[in-house]
N, C-alpha and C. Protein backbone atom coordinates (compact mmCIF):
# COMPACT_ATOMS: atom_id res chain seq x y z
N UNK A 1 163.28 77.12 216.64
CA UNK A 1 164.27 77.07 217.62
C UNK A 1 164.49 75.64 218.12
N UNK A 2 165.67 75.23 218.07
CA UNK A 2 165.91 73.84 218.51
C UNK A 2 166.64 73.92 219.97
N UNK A 3 167.09 72.86 220.47
CA UNK A 3 167.64 72.70 221.79
C UNK A 3 168.88 73.39 221.89
N UNK A 4 169.70 73.63 220.84
CA UNK A 4 171.03 74.27 220.87
C UNK A 4 170.82 75.79 221.08
N UNK A 5 169.69 76.43 220.56
CA UNK A 5 169.43 77.76 220.67
C UNK A 5 168.98 78.05 222.21
N UNK A 6 168.27 77.15 222.72
CA UNK A 6 167.84 77.31 224.27
C UNK A 6 169.06 77.17 225.10
N UNK A 7 169.99 76.25 224.65
CA UNK A 7 171.14 76.11 225.51
C UNK A 7 172.09 77.38 225.37
N UNK A 8 172.18 78.10 224.25
CA UNK A 8 172.93 79.30 224.15
C UNK A 8 172.16 80.35 224.84
N UNK A 9 171.02 80.48 224.91
CA UNK A 9 170.17 81.45 225.57
C UNK A 9 170.41 81.29 227.19
N UNK A 10 170.19 80.12 227.53
CA UNK A 10 170.52 79.77 229.01
C UNK A 10 171.87 80.08 229.39
N UNK A 11 172.80 79.82 228.56
CA UNK A 11 174.10 79.96 228.86
C UNK A 11 174.50 81.49 229.11
N UNK A 12 173.94 82.29 228.09
CA UNK A 12 174.16 83.77 228.09
C UNK A 12 173.46 84.40 229.36
N UNK A 13 172.29 83.97 229.60
CA UNK A 13 171.43 84.31 230.69
C UNK A 13 172.23 84.09 232.01
N UNK A 14 172.64 82.79 232.19
CA UNK A 14 173.44 82.58 233.45
C UNK A 14 174.72 83.30 233.59
N UNK A 15 175.42 83.52 232.43
CA UNK A 15 176.66 84.37 232.48
C UNK A 15 176.32 85.85 232.89
N UNK A 16 175.28 86.40 232.46
CA UNK A 16 174.72 87.74 232.87
C UNK A 16 174.61 87.65 234.36
N UNK A 17 173.73 86.71 234.76
CA UNK A 17 173.39 86.62 236.28
C UNK A 17 174.61 86.64 237.09
N UNK A 18 175.59 85.70 236.62
CA UNK A 18 176.88 85.48 237.52
C UNK A 18 177.55 86.85 237.56
N UNK A 19 177.71 87.57 236.41
CA UNK A 19 178.46 88.91 236.52
C UNK A 19 177.76 89.96 237.23
N UNK A 20 176.39 89.97 237.01
CA UNK A 20 175.60 91.00 237.81
C UNK A 20 175.75 90.68 239.28
N UNK A 21 175.71 89.45 239.66
CA UNK A 21 175.75 89.10 241.15
C UNK A 21 177.23 89.43 241.66
N UNK A 22 178.23 89.08 240.89
CA UNK A 22 179.69 89.45 241.40
C UNK A 22 179.82 91.00 241.35
N UNK A 23 179.27 91.69 240.45
CA UNK A 23 179.38 93.29 240.65
C UNK A 23 178.67 93.68 241.87
N UNK A 24 177.52 93.20 242.02
CA UNK A 24 176.62 93.54 243.32
C UNK A 24 177.41 93.21 244.53
N UNK A 25 178.05 92.00 244.58
CA UNK A 25 178.71 91.60 245.83
C UNK A 25 179.79 92.54 246.15
N UNK A 26 180.70 92.89 245.06
CA UNK A 26 181.93 93.58 245.21
C UNK A 26 181.57 95.20 245.17
N UNK A 27 180.31 95.63 245.19
CA UNK A 27 180.03 96.97 245.21
C UNK A 27 180.59 97.70 246.53
N UNK A 28 180.91 99.04 246.46
CA UNK A 28 181.32 99.57 247.75
C UNK A 28 180.30 99.67 248.56
N UNK A 29 179.19 99.79 248.24
CA UNK A 29 177.99 99.85 249.27
C UNK A 29 177.90 98.80 250.33
N UNK A 30 178.33 97.55 249.81
CA UNK A 30 178.17 96.41 250.73
C UNK A 30 179.46 96.31 251.72
N UNK A 31 180.43 97.15 251.66
CA UNK A 31 181.68 97.05 252.54
C UNK A 31 181.43 97.02 254.06
N UNK A 32 180.47 97.91 254.38
CA UNK A 32 180.25 97.99 255.81
C UNK A 32 179.53 96.59 256.29
N UNK A 33 178.68 96.09 255.70
CA UNK A 33 178.00 94.70 255.94
C UNK A 33 179.14 93.65 255.94
N UNK A 34 179.98 93.64 254.94
CA UNK A 34 181.04 92.72 255.00
C UNK A 34 181.94 92.82 256.34
N UNK A 35 182.28 94.12 256.60
CA UNK A 35 183.20 94.36 257.61
C UNK A 35 182.42 93.89 259.03
N UNK A 36 181.10 94.12 259.15
CA UNK A 36 180.46 93.70 260.30
C UNK A 36 180.35 92.13 260.35
N UNK A 37 180.24 91.55 259.24
CA UNK A 37 180.07 90.08 259.35
C UNK A 37 181.43 89.42 259.59
N UNK A 38 182.52 90.08 259.14
CA UNK A 38 183.87 89.58 259.45
C UNK A 38 184.34 89.80 260.87
N UNK A 39 183.58 90.73 261.53
CA UNK A 39 183.95 90.83 263.01
C UNK A 39 182.96 89.90 263.84
N UNK A 40 182.07 89.36 263.37
CA UNK A 40 181.17 88.64 264.29
C UNK A 40 181.80 87.55 265.13
N UNK A 41 182.69 86.82 264.67
CA UNK A 41 183.28 85.86 265.57
C UNK A 41 184.03 86.52 266.92
N UNK A 42 184.56 87.73 266.59
CA UNK A 42 185.31 88.39 267.65
C UNK A 42 184.34 89.07 268.65
N UNK A 43 183.08 89.37 268.23
CA UNK A 43 181.95 89.95 269.03
C UNK A 43 181.67 88.82 270.05
N UNK A 44 181.50 87.58 269.50
CA UNK A 44 181.07 86.40 270.43
C UNK A 44 182.16 86.17 271.37
N UNK A 45 183.31 86.42 271.02
CA UNK A 45 184.67 86.13 271.90
C UNK A 45 184.51 87.11 272.99
N UNK A 46 184.30 88.32 272.78
CA UNK A 46 184.12 89.45 273.72
C UNK A 46 183.08 89.15 274.80
N UNK A 47 181.95 88.77 274.14
CA UNK A 47 180.82 88.37 275.09
C UNK A 47 181.25 87.22 276.07
N UNK A 48 181.82 86.19 275.57
CA UNK A 48 182.42 85.14 276.40
C UNK A 48 183.43 85.57 277.44
N UNK A 49 184.29 86.47 277.04
CA UNK A 49 185.32 86.91 277.91
C UNK A 49 184.73 87.69 279.15
N UNK A 50 183.70 88.52 278.72
CA UNK A 50 183.05 89.35 279.70
C UNK A 50 182.23 88.60 280.65
N UNK A 51 181.53 87.52 280.27
CA UNK A 51 180.90 86.59 281.06
C UNK A 51 181.62 85.84 281.95
N UNK A 52 182.88 85.45 281.31
CA UNK A 52 183.91 84.67 282.23
C UNK A 52 184.44 85.55 283.38
N UNK A 53 184.59 86.81 283.09
CA UNK A 53 185.02 87.72 284.19
C UNK A 53 183.95 87.94 285.21
N UNK A 54 182.68 88.01 284.81
CA UNK A 54 181.72 88.17 285.72
C UNK A 54 181.37 86.87 286.54
N UNK A 55 181.55 85.79 285.89
CA UNK A 55 181.51 84.56 286.58
C UNK A 55 182.54 84.44 287.80
N UNK A 56 183.79 84.77 287.46
CA UNK A 56 184.93 84.69 288.39
C UNK A 56 184.56 85.61 289.54
N UNK A 57 184.18 86.84 289.25
CA UNK A 57 183.84 87.77 290.19
C UNK A 57 182.81 87.39 291.22
N UNK A 58 181.75 86.74 290.60
CA UNK A 58 180.68 86.28 291.61
C UNK A 58 181.19 85.01 292.43
N UNK A 59 182.14 84.23 291.93
CA UNK A 59 182.59 83.09 292.57
C UNK A 59 183.52 83.69 293.74
N UNK A 60 184.19 84.86 293.51
CA UNK A 60 185.27 85.39 294.52
C UNK A 60 184.48 86.29 295.59
N UNK A 61 183.30 86.41 295.30
CA UNK A 61 182.44 87.22 296.17
C UNK A 61 182.45 88.70 296.06
N UNK A 62 182.84 89.09 294.86
CA UNK A 62 182.95 90.62 294.68
C UNK A 62 181.68 91.10 294.21
């Protein structure tokens, strides 16, 4: 086996790993996790808005 054989084997292995990872990432089992991750910035915004309302109430004496 020379270097070109190893290059072909490594190329085939990397192509298989890429396709397997792509299929795993796009599987329907991961949809819930992706939806939760997509909404994370909005969850932080809701916490910030709630704390701002609480701060305003405490300043107003409520």
